[in-house]
Amino acid sequence: MSRQEIEEKVRAFLIEDLEIEEDKIAPEARLKEDMGVDSLDFVDIVVIVEKNFGFKIKPEEMAGIITMQQFCDYIESKVA
């Protein structure tokens, strides 16, 4: 799966499933502060990522992920 495909899938589920406004989604956007992702959203993200990308997110691995870019980097490292 290419980086572009990963970013497109992530963007799609953030907009559709988490109802984040498209203009708030950018590589440097912070998940919590800029995009409004809260702890309940993270639970949804774990389920969505497992369904779309085929791996389970470990909470301790998500601890250092702050931006959209880092989140896509994380997914890319798992599916590559």
C-alpha atoms as a PDB file:
ATOM      1  CA  MET A   1       0.000   0.000   0.000  1.00  0.00           C
ATOM      2  CA  SER A   2       1.411   3.379  -0.999  1.00  0.00           C
ATOM      3  CA  ARG A   3       1.760   6.381   1.284  1.00  0.00           C
ATOM      4  CA  GLN A   4      -0.855   8.193  -0.784  1.00  0.00           C
ATOM      5  CA  GLU A   5      -3.347   5.334  -0.313  1.00  0.00           C
ATOM      6  CA  ILE A   6      -2.733   5.368   3.442  1.00  0.00           C
ATOM      7  CA  GLU A   7      -3.279   9.125   3.650  1.00  0.00           C
ATOM      8  CA  GLU A   8      -6.452   8.912   1.538  1.00  0.00           C
ATOM      9  CA  LYS A   9      -7.918   6.148   3.733  1.00  0.00           C
ATOM     10  CA  VAL A  10      -7.043   7.998   6.939  1.00  0.00           C
ATOM     11  CA  ARG A  11      -8.512  11.247   5.605  1.00  0.00           C
ATOM     12  CA  ALA A  12     -11.690   9.442   4.540  1.00  0.00           C
ATOM     13  CA  PHE A  13     -12.350   7.820   7.908  1.00  0.00           C
ATOM     14  CA  LEU A  14     -11.542  11.004   9.831  1.00  0.00           C
ATOM     15  CA  ILE A  15     -14.145  12.864   7.784  1.00  0.00           C
ATOM     16  CA  GLU A  16     -16.784  10.129   7.529  1.00  0.00           C
ATOM     17  CA  ASP A  17     -16.506   8.247  10.813  1.00  0.00           C
ATOM     18  CA  LEU A  18     -15.204  10.898  13.214  1.00  0.00           C
ATOM     19  CA  GLU A  19     -16.904  13.851  11.476  1.00  0.00           C
ATOM     20  CA  ILE A  20     -13.782  15.995  11.471  1.00  0.00           C
ATOM     21  CA  GLU A  21     -14.010  18.985   9.144  1.00  0.00           C
ATOM     22  CA  GLU A  22     -11.895  18.432   6.036  1.00  0.00           C
ATOM     23  CA  ASP A  23     -10.180  21.813   6.318  1.00  0.00           C
ATOM     24  CA  LYS A  24      -8.795  20.830   9.737  1.00  0.00           C
ATOM     25  CA  ILE A  25      -6.969  17.787   8.325  1.00  0.00           C
ATOM     26  CA  ALA A  26      -3.374  18.583   7.367  1.00  0.00           C
ATOM     27  CA  PRO A  27      -0.045  16.767   7.849  1.00  0.00           C
ATOM     28  CA  GLU A  28       1.040  19.164  10.597  1.00  0.00           C
ATOM     29  CA  ALA A  29      -2.373  19.226  12.314  1.00  0.00           C
ATOM     30  CA  ARG A  30      -2.308  17.911  15.868  1.00  0.00           C
ATOM     31  CA  LEU A  31      -4.843  15.144  16.414  1.00  0.00           C
ATOM     32  CA  LYS A  32      -6.127  16.383  19.777  1.00  0.00           C
ATOM     33  CA  GLU A  33      -5.613  20.131  19.736  1.00  0.00           C
ATOM     34  CA  ASP A  34      -6.280  20.977  16.070  1.00  0.00           C
ATOM     35  CA  MET A  35      -8.608  18.204  14.937  1.00  0.00           C
ATOM     36  CA  GLY A  36     -10.460  17.652  18.215  1.00  0.00           C
ATOM     37  CA  VAL A  37      -9.797  13.913  18.501  1.00  0.00           C
ATOM     38  CA  ASP A  38     -10.679  12.810  22.038  1.00  0.00           C
ATOM     39  CA  SER A  39     -10.246   9.564  23.962  1.00  0.00           C
ATOM     40  CA  LEU A  40     -13.514   8.106  22.643  1.00  0.00           C
ATOM     41  CA  ASP A  41     -12.417   8.916  19.090  1.00  0.00           C
ATOM     42  CA  PHE A  42      -9.172   7.027  19.714  1.00  0.00           C
ATOM     43  CA  VAL A  43     -11.212   3.920  20.563  1.00  0.00           C
ATOM     44  CA  ASP A  44     -12.972   4.283  17.203  1.00  0.00           C
ATOM     45  CA  ILE A  45      -9.643   4.843  15.451  1.00  0.00           C
ATOM     46  CA  VAL A  46      -8.280   1.563  16.858  1.00  0.00           C
ATOM     47  CA  VAL A  47     -11.258  -0.345  15.411  1.00  0.00           C
ATOM     48  CA  ILE A  48     -11.180   1.487  12.068  1.00  0.00           C
ATOM     49  CA  VAL A  49      -7.421   1.012  11.594  1.00  0.00           C
ATOM     50  CA  GLU A  50      -7.705  -2.698  12.354  1.00  0.00           C
ATOM     51  CA  LYS A  51     -10.528  -3.024   9.814  1.00  0.00           C
ATOM     52  CA  ASN A  52      -8.841  -0.947   7.086  1.00  0.00           C
ATOM     53  CA  PHE A  53      -5.172  -1.798   7.550  1.00  0.00           C
ATOM     54  CA  GLY A  54      -5.209  -5.209   9.257  1.00  0.00           C
ATOM     55  CA  PHE A  55      -3.231  -4.562  12.432  1.00  0.00           C
ATOM     56  CA  LYS A  56      -4.007  -3.635  16.028  1.00  0.00           C
ATOM     57  CA  ILE A  57      -2.833  -0.338  17.449  1.00  0.00           C
ATOM     58  CA  LYS A  58      -1.056  -0.669  20.767  1.00  0.00           C
ATOM     59  CA  PRO A  59      -1.946   2.208  23.104  1.00  0.00           C
ATOM     60  CA  GLU A  60       1.674   2.669  24.166  1.00  0.00           C
ATOM     61  CA  GLU A  61       2.678   3.119  20.515  1.00  0.00           C
ATOM     62  CA  MET A  62       0.068   5.861  20.056  1.00  0.00           C
ATOM     63  CA  ALA A  63       1.364   7.794  23.075  1.00  0.00           C
ATOM     64  CA  GLY A  64       4.022   9.667  21.088  1.00  0.00           C
ATOM     65  CA  ILE A  65       1.849  10.360  18.057  1.00  0.00           C
ATOM     66  CA  ILE A  66       0.767  13.969  18.015  1.00  0.00           C
ATOM     67  CA  THR A  67       0.267  15.010  14.381  1.00  0.00           C
ATOM     68  CA  MET A  68      -1.550  13.627  11.384  1.00  0.00           C
ATOM     69  CA  GLN A  69       1.862  13.132   9.705  1.00  0.00           C
ATOM     70  CA  GLN A  70       3.093  11.001  12.620  1.00  0.00           C
ATOM     71  CA  PHE A  71      -0.106   8.963  12.567  1.00  0.00           C
ATOM     72  CA  CYS A  72       0.302   8.202   8.855  1.00  0.00           C
ATOM     73  CA  ASP A  73       4.005   7.404   9.447  1.00  0.00           C
ATOM     74  CA  TYR A  74       2.955   4.932  12.145  1.00  0.00           C
ATOM     75  CA  ILE A  75       0.438   3.194   9.881  1.00  0.00           C
ATOM     76  CA  GLU A  76       2.936   3.114   7.025  1.00  0.00           C
ATOM     77  CA  SER A  77       5.539   1.458   9.291  1.00  0.00           C
ATOM     78  CA  LYS A  78       3.040  -1.268  10.182  1.00  0.00           C
ATOM     79  CA  VAL A  79       1.786  -2.064   6.678  1.00  0.00           C
ATOM     80  CA  ALA A  80       5.084  -1.751   4.806  1.00  0.00           C
END
